[in-house]
Amino acid sequence: MRTVFIDAAFLVSLINPRDQNHQKARDALESVRGAQLVTTDAVLTEVLNYYSERGDYLRREALTLVKAVMNRKDVNFIYHGKYWFYLGLERFEDRQDKGYSLTDCMSMVIMESDSIQEVLTSDKHFVQAGFTILM
């Protein structure tokens, strides 16, 4: 079965119809219909943090989408916990020249551990790391 990782950049674009990548996010979502999806609490935290001060409407939309993602049966929701945090922190330390966020580093090590190659994102850092972005 095809497995695809969900990144924060994808969700941020999907939430806001005025985002420059909104239509790309919608198209990408359609392209992964039927796939097993994977994301983490760190990714969802990043989305909520992004929309925390962008107005009541977008904040509510972000909250609604995050809750929906958490409740979908086709989404494997991973809590990053100490183990993934530590591995992500090692990647963060080892890749200081790349500008990867800690959340991206945790996502990358999870993707590698589960042999996930595709990621719903527009974040070019994932391309640098050898993954295929779907936006």
C-alpha atoms as a PDB file:
ATOM      1  CA  MET A   1       0.000   0.000   0.000  1.00  0.00           C
ATOM      2  CA  ARG A   2       1.184   3.496  -0.807  1.00  0.00           C
ATOM      3  CA  THR A   3       2.169   5.460   2.303  1.00  0.00           C
ATOM      4  CA  VAL A   4       2.511   9.252   2.290  1.00  0.00           C
ATOM      5  CA  PHE A   5       3.680  11.576   5.058  1.00  0.00           C
ATOM      6  CA  ILE A   6       1.695  14.754   5.829  1.00  0.00           C
ATOM      7  CA  ASP A   7       3.841  17.830   6.536  1.00  0.00           C
ATOM      8  CA  ALA A   8       2.786  21.119   8.130  1.00  0.00           C
ATOM      9  CA  ALA A   9       3.405  23.159   4.959  1.00  0.00           C
ATOM     10  CA  PHE A  10       0.735  21.105   3.193  1.00  0.00           C
ATOM     11  CA  LEU A  11      -1.838  21.612   5.959  1.00  0.00           C
ATOM     12  CA  VAL A  12      -1.054  25.328   6.237  1.00  0.00           C
ATOM     13  CA  SER A  13      -1.730  25.725   2.505  1.00  0.00           C
ATOM     14  CA  LEU A  14      -4.826  23.537   2.596  1.00  0.00           C
ATOM     15  CA  ILE A  15      -6.430  25.602   5.376  1.00  0.00           C
ATOM     16  CA  ASN A  16      -6.092  29.042   3.803  1.00  0.00           C
ATOM     17  CA  PRO A  17      -7.821  29.562   0.421  1.00  0.00           C
ATOM     18  CA  ARG A  18      -5.627  32.654  -0.108  1.00  0.00           C
ATOM     19  CA  ASP A  19      -2.375  30.732   0.358  1.00  0.00           C
ATOM     20  CA  GLN A  20      -0.296  30.673  -2.851  1.00  0.00           C
ATOM     21  CA  ASN A  21      -0.149  26.864  -2.683  1.00  0.00           C
ATOM     22  CA  HIS A  22      -3.782  26.235  -1.721  1.00  0.00           C
ATOM     23  CA  GLN A  23      -4.802  24.729  -5.064  1.00  0.00           C
ATOM     24  CA  LYS A  24      -1.621  22.647  -5.217  1.00  0.00           C
ATOM     25  CA  ALA A  25      -2.479  21.296  -1.760  1.00  0.00           C
ATOM     26  CA  ARG A  26      -6.017  20.414  -2.860  1.00  0.00           C
ATOM     27  CA  ASP A  27      -4.702  18.688  -5.981  1.00  0.00           C
ATOM     28  CA  ALA A  28      -2.073  16.820  -3.983  1.00  0.00           C
ATOM     29  CA  LEU A  29      -4.697  15.622  -1.520  1.00  0.00           C
ATOM     30  CA  GLU A  30      -6.743  14.248  -4.389  1.00  0.00           C
ATOM     31  CA  SER A  31      -3.663  12.487  -5.793  1.00  0.00           C
ATOM     32  CA  VAL A  32      -3.163  10.450  -2.596  1.00  0.00           C
ATOM     33  CA  ARG A  33      -6.732   9.197  -2.302  1.00  0.00           C
ATOM     34  CA  GLY A  34      -6.613   5.626  -1.010  1.00  0.00           C
ATOM     35  CA  ALA A  35      -3.087   5.894   0.406  1.00  0.00           C
ATOM     36  CA  GLN A  36      -2.142   5.323   4.023  1.00  0.00           C
ATOM     37  CA  LEU A  37      -1.245   8.726   5.488  1.00  0.00           C
ATOM     38  CA  VAL A  38       1.170   9.390   8.353  1.00  0.00           C
ATOM     39  CA  THR A  39       1.766  12.491  10.457  1.00  0.00           C
ATOM     40  CA  THR A  40       2.875  13.461  13.943  1.00  0.00           C
ATOM     41  CA  ASP A  41       1.768  15.580  16.848  1.00  0.00           C
ATOM     42  CA  ALA A  42       4.768  17.832  16.159  1.00  0.00           C
ATOM     43  CA  VAL A  43       3.486  18.541  12.634  1.00  0.00           C
ATOM     44  CA  LEU A  44       0.006  19.351  13.922  1.00  0.00           C
ATOM     45  CA  THR A  45       1.476  21.543  16.656  1.00  0.00           C
ATOM     46  CA  GLU A  46       3.409  23.466  14.011  1.00  0.00           C
ATOM     47  CA  VAL A  47       0.183  24.079  12.052  1.00  0.00           C
ATOM     48  CA  LEU A  48      -1.697  25.325  15.112  1.00  0.00           C
ATOM     49  CA  ASN A  49       1.227  27.539  16.107  1.00  0.00           C
ATOM     50  CA  TYR A  50       1.330  29.018  12.607  1.00  0.00           C
ATOM     51  CA  TYR A  51      -2.363  29.976  12.733  1.00  0.00           C
ATOM     52  CA  SER A  52      -2.483  30.987  16.398  1.00  0.00           C
ATOM     53  CA  GLU A  53      -2.309  34.718  15.602  1.00  0.00           C
ATOM     54  CA  ARG A  54      -3.708  34.925  12.067  1.00  0.00           C
ATOM     55  CA  GLY A  55      -7.256  35.804  13.021  1.00  0.00           C
ATOM     56  CA  ASP A  56     -10.192  33.960  14.529  1.00  0.00           C
ATOM     57  CA  TYR A  57     -11.429  32.438  11.263  1.00  0.00           C
ATOM     58  CA  LEU A  58      -8.115  30.822  10.256  1.00  0.00           C
ATOM     59  CA  ARG A  59      -7.423  29.756  13.827  1.00  0.00           C
ATOM     60  CA  ARG A  60     -10.793  27.935  13.944  1.00  0.00           C
ATOM     61  CA  GLU A  61     -10.205  26.411  10.495  1.00  0.00           C
ATOM     62  CA  ALA A  62      -6.802  25.125  11.628  1.00  0.00           C
ATOM     63  CA  LEU A  63      -8.279  23.614  14.770  1.00  0.00           C
ATOM     64  CA  THR A  64     -11.067  21.957  12.799  1.00  0.00           C
ATOM     65  CA  LEU A  65      -8.643  20.474  10.277  1.00  0.00           C
ATOM     66  CA  VAL A  66      -6.216  19.235  12.936  1.00  0.00           C
ATOM     67  CA  LYS A  67      -9.049  17.464  14.773  1.00  0.00           C
ATOM     68  CA  ALA A  68     -10.245  15.957  11.491  1.00  0.00           C
ATOM     69  CA  VAL A  69      -6.756  14.662  10.665  1.00  0.00           C
ATOM     70  CA  MET A  70      -6.452  13.105  14.115  1.00  0.00           C
ATOM     71  CA  ASN A  71      -9.769  11.282  13.678  1.00  0.00           C
ATOM     72  CA  ARG A  72      -9.262   9.924  10.151  1.00  0.00           C
ATOM     73  CA  LYS A  73      -8.914   6.167   9.916  1.00  0.00           C
ATOM     74  CA  ASP A  74      -6.481   6.463   7.008  1.00  0.00           C
ATOM     75  CA  VAL A  75      -4.034   8.568   9.047  1.00  0.00           C
ATOM     76  CA  ASN A  76      -1.455   6.889  11.248  1.00  0.00           C
ATOM     77  CA  PHE A  77      -0.928   9.501  13.956  1.00  0.00           C
ATOM     78  CA  ILE A  78       2.485   9.247  15.655  1.00  0.00           C
ATOM     79  CA  TYR A  79       3.308  10.921  18.956  1.00  0.00           C
ATOM     80  CA  HIS A  80       6.899  12.039  18.666  1.00  0.00           C
ATOM     81  CA  GLY A  81       7.834  11.275  22.275  1.00  0.00           C
ATOM     82  CA  LYS A  82      11.354  11.178  23.649  1.00  0.00           C
ATOM     83  CA  TYR A  83      12.666   8.599  21.156  1.00  0.00           C
ATOM     84  CA  TRP A  84      11.713  10.509  17.988  1.00  0.00           C
ATOM     85  CA  PHE A  85      12.590  13.823  19.604  1.00  0.00           C
ATOM     86  CA  TYR A  86      16.098  12.569  20.362  1.00  0.00           C
ATOM     87  CA  LEU A  87      16.621  11.176  16.830  1.00  0.00           C
ATOM     88  CA  GLY A  88      15.256  14.400  15.345  1.00  0.00           C
ATOM     89  CA  LEU A  89      17.554  16.407  17.577  1.00  0.00           C
ATOM     90  CA  GLU A  90      20.540  14.405  16.329  1.00  0.00           C
ATOM     91  CA  ARG A  91      19.527  15.148  12.717  1.00  0.00           C
ATOM     92  CA  PHE A  92      19.007  18.814  13.613  1.00  0.00           C
ATOM     93  CA  GLU A  93      22.521  18.932  15.060  1.00  0.00           C
ATOM     94  CA  ASP A  94      24.094  17.019  12.152  1.00  0.00           C
ATOM     95  CA  ARG A  95      22.451  19.135   9.433  1.00  0.00           C
ATOM     96  CA  GLN A  96      23.141  22.652  10.714  1.00  0.00           C
ATOM     97  CA  ASP A  97      23.988  23.766   7.174  1.00  0.00           C
ATOM     98  CA  LYS A  98      20.490  22.909   5.856  1.00  0.00           C
ATOM     99  CA  GLY A  99      18.095  25.088   7.854  1.00  0.00           C
ATOM    100  CA  TYR A 100      15.820  22.128   8.694  1.00  0.00           C
ATOM    101  CA  SER A 101      13.389  22.736  11.533  1.00  0.00           C
ATOM    102  CA  LEU A 102      13.347  20.271  14.421  1.00  0.00           C
ATOM    103  CA  THR A 103       9.871  19.167  13.306  1.00  0.00           C
ATOM    104  CA  ASP A 104      11.208  18.474   9.798  1.00  0.00           C
ATOM    105  CA  CYS A 105      14.093  16.486  11.267  1.00  0.00           C
ATOM    106  CA  MET A 106      11.739  14.348  13.349  1.00  0.00           C
ATOM    107  CA  SER A 107       9.514  13.840  10.319  1.00  0.00           C
ATOM    108  CA  MET A 108      12.480  12.794   8.186  1.00  0.00           C
ATOM    109  CA  VAL A 109      13.727  10.182  10.644  1.00  0.00           C
ATOM    110  CA  ILE A 110      10.212   8.766  10.992  1.00  0.00           C
ATOM    111  CA  MET A 111       9.836   8.650   7.218  1.00  0.00           C
ATOM    112  CA  GLU A 112      13.173   6.881   6.847  1.00  0.00           C
ATOM    113  CA  SER A 113      12.337   4.353   9.570  1.00  0.00           C
ATOM    114  CA  ASP A 114       9.043   3.481   7.837  1.00  0.00           C
ATOM    115  CA  SER A 115      10.497   3.629   4.275  1.00  0.00           C
ATOM    116  CA  ILE A 116       8.168   6.504   3.320  1.00  0.00           C
ATOM    117  CA  GLN A 117       9.427   8.314   0.240  1.00  0.00           C
ATOM    118  CA  GLU A 118       6.539  10.682  -0.567  1.00  0.00           C
ATOM    119  CA  VAL A 119       5.487  13.688   1.467  1.00  0.00           C
ATOM    120  CA  LEU A 120       2.582  16.094   1.121  1.00  0.00           C
ATOM    121  CA  THR A 121       4.498  19.358   1.303  1.00  0.00           C
ATOM    122  CA  SER A 122       5.913  22.263  -0.643  1.00  0.00           C
ATOM    123  CA  ASP A 123       8.945  22.394   1.680  1.00  0.00           C
ATOM    124  CA  LYS A 124      12.091  22.006  -0.460  1.00  0.00           C
ATOM    125  CA  HIS A 125      14.035  20.774   2.576  1.00  0.00           C
ATOM    126  CA  PHE A 126      12.452  17.375   1.968  1.00  0.00           C
ATOM    127  CA  VAL A 127      13.822  17.351  -1.578  1.00  0.00           C
ATOM    128  CA  GLN A 128      17.285  18.186  -0.192  1.00  0.00           C
ATOM    129  CA  ALA A 129      16.931  15.167   2.092  1.00  0.00           C
ATOM    130  CA  GLY A 130      16.051  12.871  -0.835  1.00  0.00           C
ATOM    131  CA  PHE A 131      12.271  12.649  -0.502  1.00  0.00           C
ATOM    132  CA  THR A 132       9.617  13.240  -3.178  1.00  0.00           C
ATOM    133  CA  ILE A 133       7.348  16.196  -2.471  1.00  0.00           C
ATOM    134  CA  LEU A 134       3.805  16.114  -3.854  1.00  0.00           C
ATOM    135  CA  MET A 135       3.093  19.837  -4.184  1.00  0.00           C
END
